Amino acid sequence: MRVSTLIKIGTIDEFQVNVGKLVEIEDHAIAVFRLAERQFNAVENRCPHKGGPLAVGIVSGDFVFCPLHDWKIDLKDGNVQAPDHGCVRKYDVTIEGEEVFITL
């Protein structure tokens, strides 16, 4: 049985709106995105196409565009948008007060 762990990754003010931030926890490289005041999404920091670093991609709405080849990835579910295909791992983000946590 796998146990989930809640890990603090910072405070809300440490994340800029619509700018990705790389968070490394153990062997996980995670791209965290603050999309609105208290709305956060997190996905693995590796595009399924050629491994582009998603944390430095361009954010538009609920999507991030890979900086290498412009693949469009939905931050809500991790799915790559057509005509491309694939997905990235999604991580749950929790806000408690002003603190931001990720579930591993």
PDB file of N, CA and C in Angstrom:
ATOM      1  N   MET A   1       0.854  -1.188   0.000  1.00  0.00           N
ATOM      2  CA  MET A   1       0.000   0.000   0.000  1.00  0.00           C
ATOM      3  C   MET A   1       0.890   1.237   0.000  1.00  0.00           C
ATOM      4  N   ARG A   2       0.530   2.200  -0.840  1.00  0.00           N
ATOM      5  CA  ARG A   2       1.300   3.424  -0.969  1.00  0.00           C
ATOM      6  C   ARG A   2       0.726   4.493  -0.055  1.00  0.00           C
ATOM      7  N   VAL A   3       1.587   5.176   0.695  1.00  0.00           N
ATOM      8  CA  VAL A   3       1.158   6.222   1.617  1.00  0.00           C
ATOM      9  C   VAL A   3       1.468   7.586   1.011  1.00  0.00           C
ATOM     10  N   SER A   4       0.493   8.484   0.990  1.00  0.00           N
ATOM     11  CA  SER A   4       0.702   9.844   0.493  1.00  0.00           C
ATOM     12  C   SER A   4       1.347  10.690   1.568  1.00  0.00           C
ATOM     13  N   THR A   5       2.236  11.581   1.135  1.00  0.00           N
ATOM     14  CA  THR A   5       2.917  12.473   2.051  1.00  0.00           C
ATOM     15  C   THR A   5       2.680  13.911   1.623  1.00  0.00           C
ATOM     16  N   LEU A   6       2.273  14.755   2.561  1.00  0.00           N
ATOM     17  CA  LEU A   6       2.068  16.175   2.321  1.00  0.00           C
ATOM     18  C   LEU A   6       3.360  16.900   2.656  1.00  0.00           C
ATOM     19  N   ILE A   7       3.920  17.623   1.673  1.00  0.00           N
ATOM     20  CA  ILE A   7       5.207  18.293   1.848  1.00  0.00           C
ATOM     21  C   ILE A   7       5.058  19.783   1.574  1.00  0.00           C
ATOM     22  N   LYS A   8       5.507  20.603   2.519  1.00  0.00           N
ATOM     23  CA  LYS A   8       5.447  22.056   2.333  1.00  0.00           C
ATOM     24  C   LYS A   8       6.483  22.467   1.290  1.00  0.00           C
ATOM     25  N   ILE A   9       6.023  23.278   0.305  1.00  0.00           N
ATOM     26  CA  ILE A   9       6.940  23.747  -0.734  1.00  0.00           C
ATOM     27  C   ILE A   9       7.112  25.264  -0.711  1.00  0.00           C
ATOM     28  N   GLY A  10       6.459  25.940   0.217  1.00  0.00           N
ATOM     29  CA  GLY A  10       6.629  27.390   0.325  1.00  0.00           C
ATOM     30  C   GLY A  10       5.351  28.072   0.765  1.00  0.00           C
ATOM     31  N   THR A  11       5.327  29.384   0.591  1.00  0.00           N
ATOM     32  CA  THR A  11       4.140  30.175   0.882  1.00  0.00           C
ATOM     33  C   THR A  11       3.591  30.732  -0.424  1.00  0.00           C
ATOM     34  N   ILE A  12       2.340  31.134  -0.397  1.00  0.00           N
ATOM     35  CA  ILE A  12       1.691  31.640  -1.613  1.00  0.00           C
ATOM     36  C   ILE A  12       2.518  32.739  -2.260  1.00  0.00           C
ATOM     37  N   ASP A  13       3.036  33.674  -1.463  1.00  0.00           N
ATOM     38  CA  ASP A  13       3.776  34.817  -2.008  1.00  0.00           C
ATOM     39  C   ASP A  13       5.101  34.443  -2.665  1.00  0.00           C
ATOM     40  N   GLU A  14       5.573  33.220  -2.477  1.00  0.00           N
ATOM     41  CA  GLU A  14       6.819  32.780  -3.106  1.00  0.00           C
ATOM     42  C   GLU A  14       6.611  32.317  -4.548  1.00  0.00           C
ATOM     43  N   PHE A  15       5.354  32.308  -5.002  1.00  0.00           N
ATOM     44  CA  PHE A  15       5.036  31.873  -6.363  1.00  0.00           C
ATOM     45  C   PHE A  15       4.394  33.029  -7.123  1.00  0.00           C
ATOM     46  N   GLN A  16       4.932  33.340  -8.298  1.00  0.00           N
ATOM     47  CA  GLN A  16       4.366  34.394  -9.136  1.00  0.00           C
ATOM     48  C   GLN A  16       3.197  33.831  -9.937  1.00  0.00           C
ATOM     49  N   VAL A  17       2.189  34.661 -10.177  1.00  0.00           N
ATOM     50  CA  VAL A  17       1.039  34.244 -10.973  1.00  0.00           C
ATOM     51  C   VAL A  17       1.479  34.035 -12.419  1.00  0.00           C
ATOM     52  N   ASN A  18       1.068  32.897 -12.995  1.00  0.00           N
ATOM     53  CA  ASN A  18       1.341  32.528 -14.388  1.00  0.00           C
ATOM     54  C   ASN A  18       2.821  32.351 -14.715  1.00  0.00           C
ATOM     55  N   VAL A  19       3.610  32.023 -13.710  1.00  0.00           N
ATOM     56  CA  VAL A  19       5.034  31.729 -13.909  1.00  0.00           C
ATOM     57  C   VAL A  19       5.326  30.412 -13.198  1.00  0.00           C
ATOM     58  N   GLY A  20       5.929  29.474 -13.909  1.00  0.00           N
ATOM     59  CA  GLY A  20       6.260  28.189 -13.311  1.00  0.00           C
ATOM     60  C   GLY A  20       7.440  28.288 -12.365  1.00  0.00           C
ATOM     61  N   LYS A  21       7.492  27.377 -11.423  1.00  0.00           N
ATOM     62  CA  LYS A  21       8.603  27.300 -10.481  1.00  0.00           C
ATOM     63  C   LYS A  21       8.972  25.828 -10.314  1.00  0.00           C
ATOM     64  N   LEU A  22      10.245  25.523 -10.443  1.00  0.00           N
ATOM     65  CA  LEU A  22      10.728  24.166 -10.257  1.00  0.00           C
ATOM     66  C   LEU A  22      10.890  23.871  -8.776  1.00  0.00           C
ATOM     67  N   VAL A  23      10.292  22.760  -8.333  1.00  0.00           N
ATOM     68  CA  VAL A  23      10.433  22.297  -6.965  1.00  0.00           C
ATOM     69  C   VAL A  23      10.971  20.874  -7.044  1.00  0.00           C
ATOM     70  N   GLU A  24      12.072  20.613  -6.358  1.00  0.00           N
ATOM     71  CA  GLU A  24      12.660  19.285  -6.365  1.00  0.00           C
ATOM     72  C   GLU A  24      12.502  18.651  -4.985  1.00  0.00           C
ATOM     73  N   ILE A  25      11.875  17.485  -4.974  1.00  0.00           N
ATOM     74  CA  ILE A  25      11.647  16.743  -3.736  1.00  0.00           C
ATOM     75  C   ILE A  25      12.123  15.319  -3.985  1.00  0.00           C
ATOM     76  N   GLU A  26      13.166  14.924  -3.263  1.00  0.00           N
ATOM     77  CA  GLU A  26      13.767  13.606  -3.456  1.00  0.00           C
ATOM     78  C   GLU A  26      14.098  13.441  -4.934  1.00  0.00           C
ATOM     79  N   ASP A  27      13.551  12.434  -5.603  1.00  0.00           N
ATOM     80  CA  ASP A  27      13.855  12.235  -7.024  1.00  0.00           C
ATOM     81  C   ASP A  27      12.755  12.774  -7.942  1.00  0.00           C
ATOM     82  N   HIS A  28      11.911  13.665  -7.425  1.00  0.00           N
ATOM     83  CA  HIS A  28      10.825  14.260  -8.200  1.00  0.00           C
ATOM     84  C   HIS A  28      11.172  15.697  -8.580  1.00  0.00           C
ATOM     85  N   ALA A  29      11.153  16.005  -9.878  1.00  0.00           N
ATOM     86  CA  ALA A  29      11.277  17.378 -10.368  1.00  0.00           C
ATOM     87  C   ALA A  29       9.868  17.804 -10.764  1.00  0.00           C
ATOM     88  N   ILE A  30       9.328  18.808 -10.060  1.00  0.00           N
ATOM     89  CA  ILE A  30       7.927  19.189 -10.206  1.00  0.00           C
ATOM     90  C   ILE A  30       7.834  20.650 -10.630  1.00  0.00           C
ATOM     91  N   ALA A  31       7.012  20.904 -11.656  1.00  0.00           N
ATOM     92  CA  ALA A  31       6.731  22.262 -12.100  1.00  0.00           C
ATOM     93  C   ALA A  31       5.448  22.719 -11.415  1.00  0.00           C
ATOM     94  N   VAL A  32       5.553  23.774 -10.612  1.00  0.00           N
ATOM     95  CA  VAL A  32       4.401  24.285  -9.859  1.00  0.00           C
ATOM     96  C   VAL A  32       3.981  25.613 -10.476  1.00  0.00           C
ATOM     97  N   PHE A  33       2.676  25.762 -10.685  1.00  0.00           N
ATOM     98  CA  PHE A  33       2.131  26.962 -11.322  1.00  0.00           C
ATOM     99  C   PHE A  33       1.044  27.564 -10.450  1.00  0.00           C
ATOM    100  N   ARG A  34       1.195  28.847 -10.179  1.00  0.00           N
ATOM    101  CA  ARG A  34       0.144  29.610  -9.489  1.00  0.00           C
ATOM    102  C   ARG A  34      -0.641  30.321 -10.580  1.00  0.00           C
ATOM    103  N   LEU A  35      -1.895  29.917 -10.774  1.00  0.00           N
ATOM    104  CA  LEU A  35      -2.697  30.462 -11.866  1.00  0.00           C
ATOM    105  C   LEU A  35      -3.593  31.615 -11.436  1.00  0.00           C
ATOM    106  N   ALA A  36      -3.875  31.702 -10.160  1.00  0.00           N
ATOM    107  CA  ALA A  36      -4.687  32.786  -9.604  1.00  0.00           C
ATOM    108  C   ALA A  36      -4.309  32.922  -8.138  1.00  0.00           C
ATOM    109  N   GLU A  37      -4.984  33.800  -7.430  1.00  0.00           N
ATOM    110  CA  GLU A  37      -4.620  34.093  -6.037  1.00  0.00           C
ATOM    111  C   GLU A  37      -4.364  32.836  -5.210  1.00  0.00           C
ATOM    112  N   ARG A  38      -5.281  31.888  -5.218  1.00  0.00           N
ATOM    113  CA  ARG A  38      -5.125  30.677  -4.412  1.00  0.00           C
ATOM    114  C   ARG A  38      -5.316  29.415  -5.244  1.00  0.00           C
ATOM    115  N   GLN A  39      -5.077  29.514  -6.542  1.00  0.00           N
ATOM    116  CA  GLN A  39      -5.220  28.362  -7.436  1.00  0.00           C
ATOM    117  C   GLN A  39      -3.844  27.918  -7.922  1.00  0.00           C
ATOM    118  N   PHE A  40      -3.477  26.701  -7.562  1.00  0.00           N
ATOM    119  CA  PHE A  40      -2.188  26.128  -7.934  1.00  0.00           C
ATOM    120  C   PHE A  40      -2.382  24.803  -8.649  1.00  0.00           C
ATOM    121  N   ASN A  41      -1.492  24.504  -9.597  1.00  0.00           N
ATOM    122  CA  ASN A  41      -1.425  23.202 -10.242  1.00  0.00           C
ATOM    123  C   ASN A  41       0.033  22.785 -10.292  1.00  0.00           C
ATOM    124  N   ALA A  42       0.268  21.479 -10.311  1.00  0.00           N
ATOM    125  CA  ALA A  42       1.637  20.968 -10.369  1.00  0.00           C
ATOM    126  C   ALA A  42       1.679  19.716 -11.235  1.00  0.00           C
ATOM    127  N   VAL A  43       2.712  19.649 -12.076  1.00  0.00           N
ATOM    128  CA  VAL A  43       2.933  18.501 -12.951  1.00  0.00           C
ATOM    129  C   VAL A  43       4.419  18.175 -12.946  1.00  0.00           C
ATOM    130  N   GLU A  44       4.737  16.969 -13.405  1.00  0.00           N
ATOM    131  CA  GLU A  44       6.157  16.643 -13.511  1.00  0.00           C
ATOM    132  C   GLU A  44       6.813  17.629 -14.469  1.00  0.00           C
ATOM    133  N   ASN A  45       8.063  17.954 -14.218  1.00  0.00           N
ATOM    134  CA  ASN A  45       8.765  18.987 -14.978  1.00  0.00           C
ATOM    135  C   ASN A  45       9.446  18.405 -16.211  1.00  0.00           C
ATOM    136  N   ARG A  46       8.725  17.584 -16.964  1.00  0.00           N
ATOM    137  CA  ARG A  46       9.336  16.950 -18.127  1.00  0.00           C
ATOM    138  C   ARG A  46       8.269  16.697 -19.179  1.00  0.00           C
ATOM    139  N   CYS A  47       8.372  17.390 -20.296  1.00  0.00           N
ATOM    140  CA  CYS A  47       7.449  17.178 -21.398  1.00  0.00           C
ATOM    141  C   CYS A  47       7.631  15.756 -21.932  1.00  0.00           C
ATOM    142  N   PRO A  48       6.532  15.052 -22.253  1.00  0.00           N
ATOM    143  CA  PRO A  48       6.670  13.686 -22.737  1.00  0.00           C
ATOM    144  C   PRO A  48       7.275  13.588 -24.140  1.00  0.00           C
ATOM    145  N   HIS A  49       7.361  14.678 -24.853  1.00  0.00           N
ATOM    146  CA  HIS A  49       7.887  14.661 -26.213  1.00  0.00           C
ATOM    147  C   HIS A  49       9.405  14.515 -26.231  1.00  0.00           C
ATOM    148  N   LYS A  50      10.117  15.515 -25.734  1.00  0.00           N
ATOM    149  CA  LYS A  50      11.587  15.501 -25.751  1.00  0.00           C
ATOM    150  C   LYS A  50      12.183  15.896 -24.402  1.00  0.00           C
ATOM    151  N   GLY A  51      11.364  15.860 -23.347  1.00  0.00           N
ATOM    152  CA  GLY A  51      11.875  16.131 -22.011  1.00  0.00           C
ATOM    153  C   GLY A  51      12.054  17.597 -21.667  1.00  0.00           C
ATOM    154  N   GLY A  52      11.399  18.483 -22.392  1.00  0.00           N
ATOM    155  CA  GLY A  52      11.528  19.919 -22.119  1.00  0.00           C
ATOM    156  C   GLY A  52      11.111  20.283 -20.701  1.00  0.00           C
ATOM    157  N   PRO A  53      11.786  21.274 -20.092  1.00  0.00           N
ATOM    158  CA  PRO A  53      11.487  21.692 -18.717  1.00  0.00           C
ATOM    159  C   PRO A  53      10.225  22.558 -18.653  1.00  0.00           C
ATOM    160  N   LEU A  54       9.123  21.980 -18.230  1.00  0.00           N
ATOM    161  CA  LEU A  54       7.840  22.685 -18.247  1.00  0.00           C
ATOM    162  C   LEU A  54       7.790  23.891 -17.320  1.00  0.00           C
ATOM    163  N   ALA A  55       8.599  23.910 -16.266  1.00  0.00           N
ATOM    164  CA  ALA A  55       8.583  25.038 -15.324  1.00  0.00           C
ATOM    165  C   ALA A  55       8.960  26.353 -16.001  1.00  0.00           C
ATOM    166  N   VAL A  56       9.656  26.291 -17.126  1.00  0.00           N
ATOM    167  CA  VAL A  56      10.028  27.524 -17.840  1.00  0.00           C
ATOM    168  C   VAL A  56       9.171  27.745 -19.080  1.00  0.00           C
ATOM    169  N   GLY A  57       8.107  26.945 -19.219  1.00  0.00           N
ATOM    170  CA  GLY A  57       7.198  27.104 -20.345  1.00  0.00           C
ATOM    171  C   GLY A  57       6.309  28.320 -20.183  1.00  0.00           C
ATOM    172  N   ILE A  58       5.611  28.665 -21.257  1.00  0.00           N
ATOM    173  CA  ILE A  58       4.687  29.802 -21.247  1.00  0.00           C
ATOM    174  C   ILE A  58       3.316  29.322 -20.786  1.00  0.00           C
ATOM    175  N   VAL A  59       2.747  30.044 -19.822  1.00  0.00           N
ATOM    176  CA  VAL A  59       1.438  29.709 -19.266  1.00  0.00           C
ATOM    177  C   VAL A  59       0.370  30.554 -19.951  1.00  0.00           C
ATOM    178  N   SER A  60      -0.721  29.877 -20.354  1.00  0.00           N
ATOM    179  CA  SER A  60      -1.871  30.563 -20.935  1.00  0.00           C
ATOM    180  C   SER A  60      -3.123  29.868 -20.413  1.00  0.00           C
ATOM    181  N   GLY A  61      -3.874  30.565 -19.589  1.00  0.00           N
ATOM    182  CA  GLY A  61      -5.059  29.964 -18.981  1.00  0.00           C
ATOM    183  C   GLY A  61      -4.663  28.785 -18.112  1.00  0.00           C
ATOM    184  N   ASP A  62      -5.252  27.614 -18.372  1.00  0.00           N
ATOM    185  CA  ASP A  62      -4.952  26.398 -17.609  1.00  0.00           C
ATOM    186  C   ASP A  62      -3.912  25.525 -18.320  1.00  0.00           C
ATOM    187  N   PHE A  63      -3.152  26.105 -19.237  1.00  0.00           N
ATOM    188  CA  PHE A  63      -2.205  25.330 -20.035  1.00  0.00           C
ATOM    189  C   PHE A  63      -0.789  25.875 -19.915  1.00  0.00           C
ATOM    190  N   VAL A  64       0.180  24.973 -20.104  1.00  0.00           N
ATOM    191  CA  VAL A  64       1.572  25.383 -20.227  1.00  0.00           C
ATOM    192  C   VAL A  64       2.066  24.857 -21.574  1.00  0.00           C
ATOM    193  N   PHE A  65       2.863  25.676 -22.243  1.00  0.00           N
ATOM    194  CA  PHE A  65       3.439  25.297 -23.530  1.00  0.00           C
ATOM    195  C   PHE A  65       4.906  24.957 -23.315  1.00  0.00           C
ATOM    196  N   CYS A  66       5.299  23.757 -23.730  1.00  0.00           N
ATOM    197  CA  CYS A  66       6.678  23.313 -23.569  1.00  0.00           C
ATOM    198  C   CYS A  66       7.608  24.289 -24.296  1.00  0.00           C
ATOM    199  N   PRO A  67       8.701  24.698 -23.647  1.00  0.00           N
ATOM    200  CA  PRO A  67       9.615  25.662 -24.261  1.00  0.00           C
ATOM    201  C   PRO A  67      10.418  25.093 -25.431  1.00  0.00           C
ATOM    202  N   LEU A  68      10.462  23.781 -25.590  1.00  0.00           N
ATOM    203  CA  LEU A  68      11.257  23.205 -26.679  1.00  0.00           C
ATOM    204  C   LEU A  68      10.498  23.122 -27.998  1.00  0.00           C
ATOM    205  N   HIS A  69       9.290  22.561 -27.977  1.00  0.00           N
ATOM    206  CA  HIS A  69       8.569  22.340 -29.222  1.00  0.00           C
ATOM    207  C   HIS A  69       7.104  22.756 -29.148  1.00  0.00           C
ATOM    208  N   ASP A  70       6.765  23.564 -28.148  1.00  0.00           N
ATOM    209  CA  ASP A  70       5.448  24.186 -28.050  1.00  0.00           C
ATOM    210  C   ASP A  70       4.293  23.207 -27.840  1.00  0.00           C
ATOM    211  N   TRP A  71       4.551  22.028 -27.277  1.00  0.00           N
ATOM    212  CA  TRP A  71       3.450  21.127 -26.954  1.00  0.00           C
ATOM    213  C   TRP A  71       2.595  21.775 -25.868  1.00  0.00           C
ATOM    214  N   LYS A  72       1.284  21.654 -26.005  1.00  0.00           N
ATOM    215  CA  LYS A  72       0.329  22.273 -25.080  1.00  0.00           C
ATOM    216  C   LYS A  72      -0.153  21.226 -24.084  1.00  0.00           C
ATOM    217  N   ILE A  73       0.062  21.502 -22.789  1.00  0.00           N
ATOM    218  CA  ILE A  73      -0.275  20.547 -21.738  1.00  0.00           C
ATOM    219  C   ILE A  73      -1.276  21.179 -20.776  1.00  0.00           C
ATOM    220  N   ASP A  74      -2.350  20.458 -20.511  1.00  0.00           N
ATOM    221  CA  ASP A  74      -3.391  20.915 -19.601  1.00  0.00           C
ATOM    222  C   ASP A  74      -2.902  20.731 -18.163  1.00  0.00           C
ATOM    223  N   LEU A  75      -2.833  21.803 -17.409  1.00  0.00           N
ATOM    224  CA  LEU A  75      -2.338  21.742 -16.033  1.00  0.00           C
ATOM    225  C   LEU A  75      -3.354  21.134 -15.072  1.00  0.00           C
ATOM    226  N   LYS A  76      -4.621  21.041 -15.468  1.00  0.00           N
ATOM    227  CA  LYS A  76      -5.635  20.445 -14.591  1.00  0.00           C
ATOM    228  C   LYS A  76      -5.530  18.927 -14.546  1.00  0.00           C
ATOM    229  N   ASP A  77      -5.166  18.309 -15.686  1.00  0.00           N
ATOM    230  CA  ASP A  77      -5.132  16.844 -15.719  1.00  0.00           C
ATOM    231  C   ASP A  77      -3.839  16.247 -16.275  1.00  0.00           C
ATOM    232  N   GLY A  78      -2.927  17.097 -16.772  1.00  0.00           N
ATOM    233  CA  GLY A  78      -1.645  16.609 -17.275  1.00  0.00           C
ATOM    234  C   GLY A  78      -1.671  16.088 -18.697  1.00  0.00           C
ATOM    235  N   ASN A  79      -2.810  16.182 -19.371  1.00  0.00           N
ATOM    236  CA  ASN A  79      -2.919  15.651 -20.727  1.00  0.00           C
ATOM    237  C   ASN A  79      -2.376  16.618 -21.775  1.00  0.00           C
ATOM    238  N   VAL A  80      -1.635  16.070 -22.731  1.00  0.00           N
ATOM    239  CA  VAL A  80      -1.161  16.824 -23.883  1.00  0.00           C
ATOM    240  C   VAL A  80      -2.355  17.014 -24.817  1.00  0.00           C
ATOM    241  N   GLN A  81      -2.435  18.192 -25.418  1.00  0.00           N
ATOM    242  CA  GLN A  81      -3.555  18.512 -26.296  1.00  0.00           C
ATOM    243  C   GLN A  81      -3.264  18.110 -27.744  1.00  0.00           C
ATOM    244  N   ALA A  82      -4.320  17.699 -28.462  1.00  0.00           N
ATOM    245  CA  ALA A  82      -4.219  17.298 -29.872  1.00  0.00           C
ATOM    246  C   ALA A  82      -3.723  18.476 -30.708  1.00  0.00           C
ATOM    247  N   PRO A  83      -2.964  18.219 -31.744  1.00  0.00           N
ATOM    248  CA  PRO A  83      -2.759  16.938 -32.397  1.00  0.00           C
ATOM    249  C   PRO A  83      -1.673  16.068 -31.748  1.00  0.00           C
ATOM    250  N   ASP A  84      -0.984  16.596 -30.757  1.00  0.00           N
ATOM    251  CA  ASP A  84       0.044  15.820 -30.066  1.00  0.00           C
ATOM    252  C   ASP A  84      -0.641  14.900 -29.061  1.00  0.00           C
ATOM    253  N   HIS A  85       0.102  14.003 -28.446  1.00  0.00           N
ATOM    254  CA  HIS A  85      -0.509  13.067 -27.512  1.00  0.00           C
ATOM    255  C   HIS A  85       0.470  12.695 -26.409  1.00  0.00           C
ATOM    256  N   GLY A  86      -0.089  12.263 -25.294  1.00  0.00           N
ATOM    257  CA  GLY A  86       0.705  11.876 -24.138  1.00  0.00           C
ATOM    258  C   GLY A  86       0.170  12.546 -22.897  1.00  0.00           C
ATOM    259  N   CYS A  87       0.902  12.387 -21.805  1.00  0.00           N
ATOM    260  CA  CYS A  87       0.503  13.030 -20.560  1.00  0.00           C
ATOM    261  C   CYS A  87       1.707  13.129 -19.631  1.00  0.00           C
ATOM    262  N   VAL A  88       1.573  13.977 -18.632  1.00  0.00           N
ATOM    263  CA  VAL A  88       2.580  14.118 -17.587  1.00  0.00           C
ATOM    264  C   VAL A  88       1.895  13.825 -16.255  1.00  0.00           C
ATOM    265  N   ARG A  89       2.693  13.424 -15.287  1.00  0.00           N
ATOM    266  CA  ARG A  89       2.140  13.131 -13.967  1.00  0.00           C
ATOM    267  C   ARG A  89       1.644  14.421 -13.315  1.00  0.00           C
ATOM    268  N   LYS A  90       0.489  14.344 -12.708  1.00  0.00           N
ATOM    269  CA  LYS A  90      -0.124  15.475 -11.999  1.00  0.00           C
ATOM    270  C   LYS A  90       0.066  15.275 -10.505  1.00  0.00           C
ATOM    271  N   TYR A  91       0.342  16.348  -9.786  1.00  0.00           N
ATOM    272  CA  TYR A  91       0.485  16.312  -8.326  1.00  0.00           C
ATOM    273  C   TYR A  91      -0.598  17.178  -7.698  1.00  0.00           C
ATOM    274  N   ASP A  92      -1.155  16.726  -6.590  1.00  0.00           N
ATOM    275  CA  ASP A  92      -2.144  17.511  -5.857  1.00  0.00           C
ATOM    276  C   ASP A  92      -1.443  18.598  -5.058  1.00  0.00           C
ATOM    277  N   VAL A  93      -2.020  19.799  -5.093  1.00  0.00           N
ATOM    278  CA  VAL A  93      -1.511  20.939  -4.335  1.00  0.00           C
ATOM    279  C   VAL A  93      -2.592  21.353  -3.340  1.00  0.00           C
ATOM    280  N   THR A  94      -2.171  21.604  -2.100  1.00  0.00           N
ATOM    281  CA  THR A  94      -3.079  22.007  -1.036  1.00  0.00           C
ATOM    282  C   THR A  94      -2.608  23.333  -0.461  1.00  0.00           C
ATOM    283  N   ILE A  95      -3.552  24.219  -0.195  1.00  0.00           N
ATOM    284  CA  ILE A  95      -3.258  25.504   0.438  1.00  0.00           C
ATOM    285  C   ILE A  95      -3.827  25.460   1.854  1.00  0.00           C
ATOM    286  N   GLU A  96      -2.984  25.737   2.832  1.00  0.00           N
ATOM    287  CA  GLU A  96      -3.439  25.841   4.225  1.00  0.00           C
ATOM    288  C   GLU A  96      -2.954  27.181   4.753  1.00  0.00           C
ATOM    289  N   GLY A  97      -3.891  28.097   4.951  1.00  0.00           N
ATOM    290  CA  GLY A  97      -3.501  29.450   5.334  1.00  0.00           C
ATOM    291  C   GLY A  97      -2.730  30.074   4.186  1.00  0.00           C
ATOM    292  N   GLU A  98      -1.488  30.429   4.427  1.00  0.00           N
ATOM    293  CA  GLU A  98      -0.617  30.994   3.394  1.00  0.00           C
ATOM    294  C   GLU A  98       0.417  29.987   2.897  1.00  0.00           C
ATOM    295  N   GLU A  99       0.382  28.769   3.407  1.00  0.00           N
ATOM    296  CA  GLU A  99       1.363  27.761   3.050  1.00  0.00           C
ATOM    297  C   GLU A  99       0.876  26.869   1.913  1.00  0.00           C
ATOM    298  N   VAL A 100       1.827  26.466   1.057  1.00  0.00           N
ATOM    299  CA  VAL A 100       1.532  25.637  -0.109  1.00  0.00           C
ATOM    300  C   VAL A 100       2.185  24.273   0.102  1.00  0.00           C
ATOM    301  N   PHE A 101       1.394  23.222  -0.110  1.00  0.00           N
ATOM    302  CA  PHE A 101       1.869  21.849   0.072  1.00  0.00           C
ATOM    303  C   PHE A 101       1.639  21.033  -1.193  1.00  0.00           C
ATOM    304  N   ILE A 102       2.491  20.058  -1.419  1.00  0.00           N
ATOM    305  CA  ILE A 102       2.327  19.088  -2.514  1.00  0.00           C
ATOM    306  C   ILE A 102       2.173  17.723  -1.899  1.00  0.00           C
ATOM    307  N   THR A 103       1.345  16.895  -2.534  1.00  0.00           N
ATOM    308  CA  THR A 103       1.168  15.520  -2.071  1.00  0.00           C
ATOM    309  C   THR A 103       1.986  14.589  -2.946  1.00  0.00           C
ATOM    310  N   LEU A 104       2.870  13.829  -2.297  1.00  0.00           N
ATOM    311  CA  LEU A 104       3.637  12.800  -3.018  1.00  0.00           C
ATOM    312  C   LEU A 104       3.089  11.445  -2.642  1.00  0.00           C
TER     313      LEU A 104
END
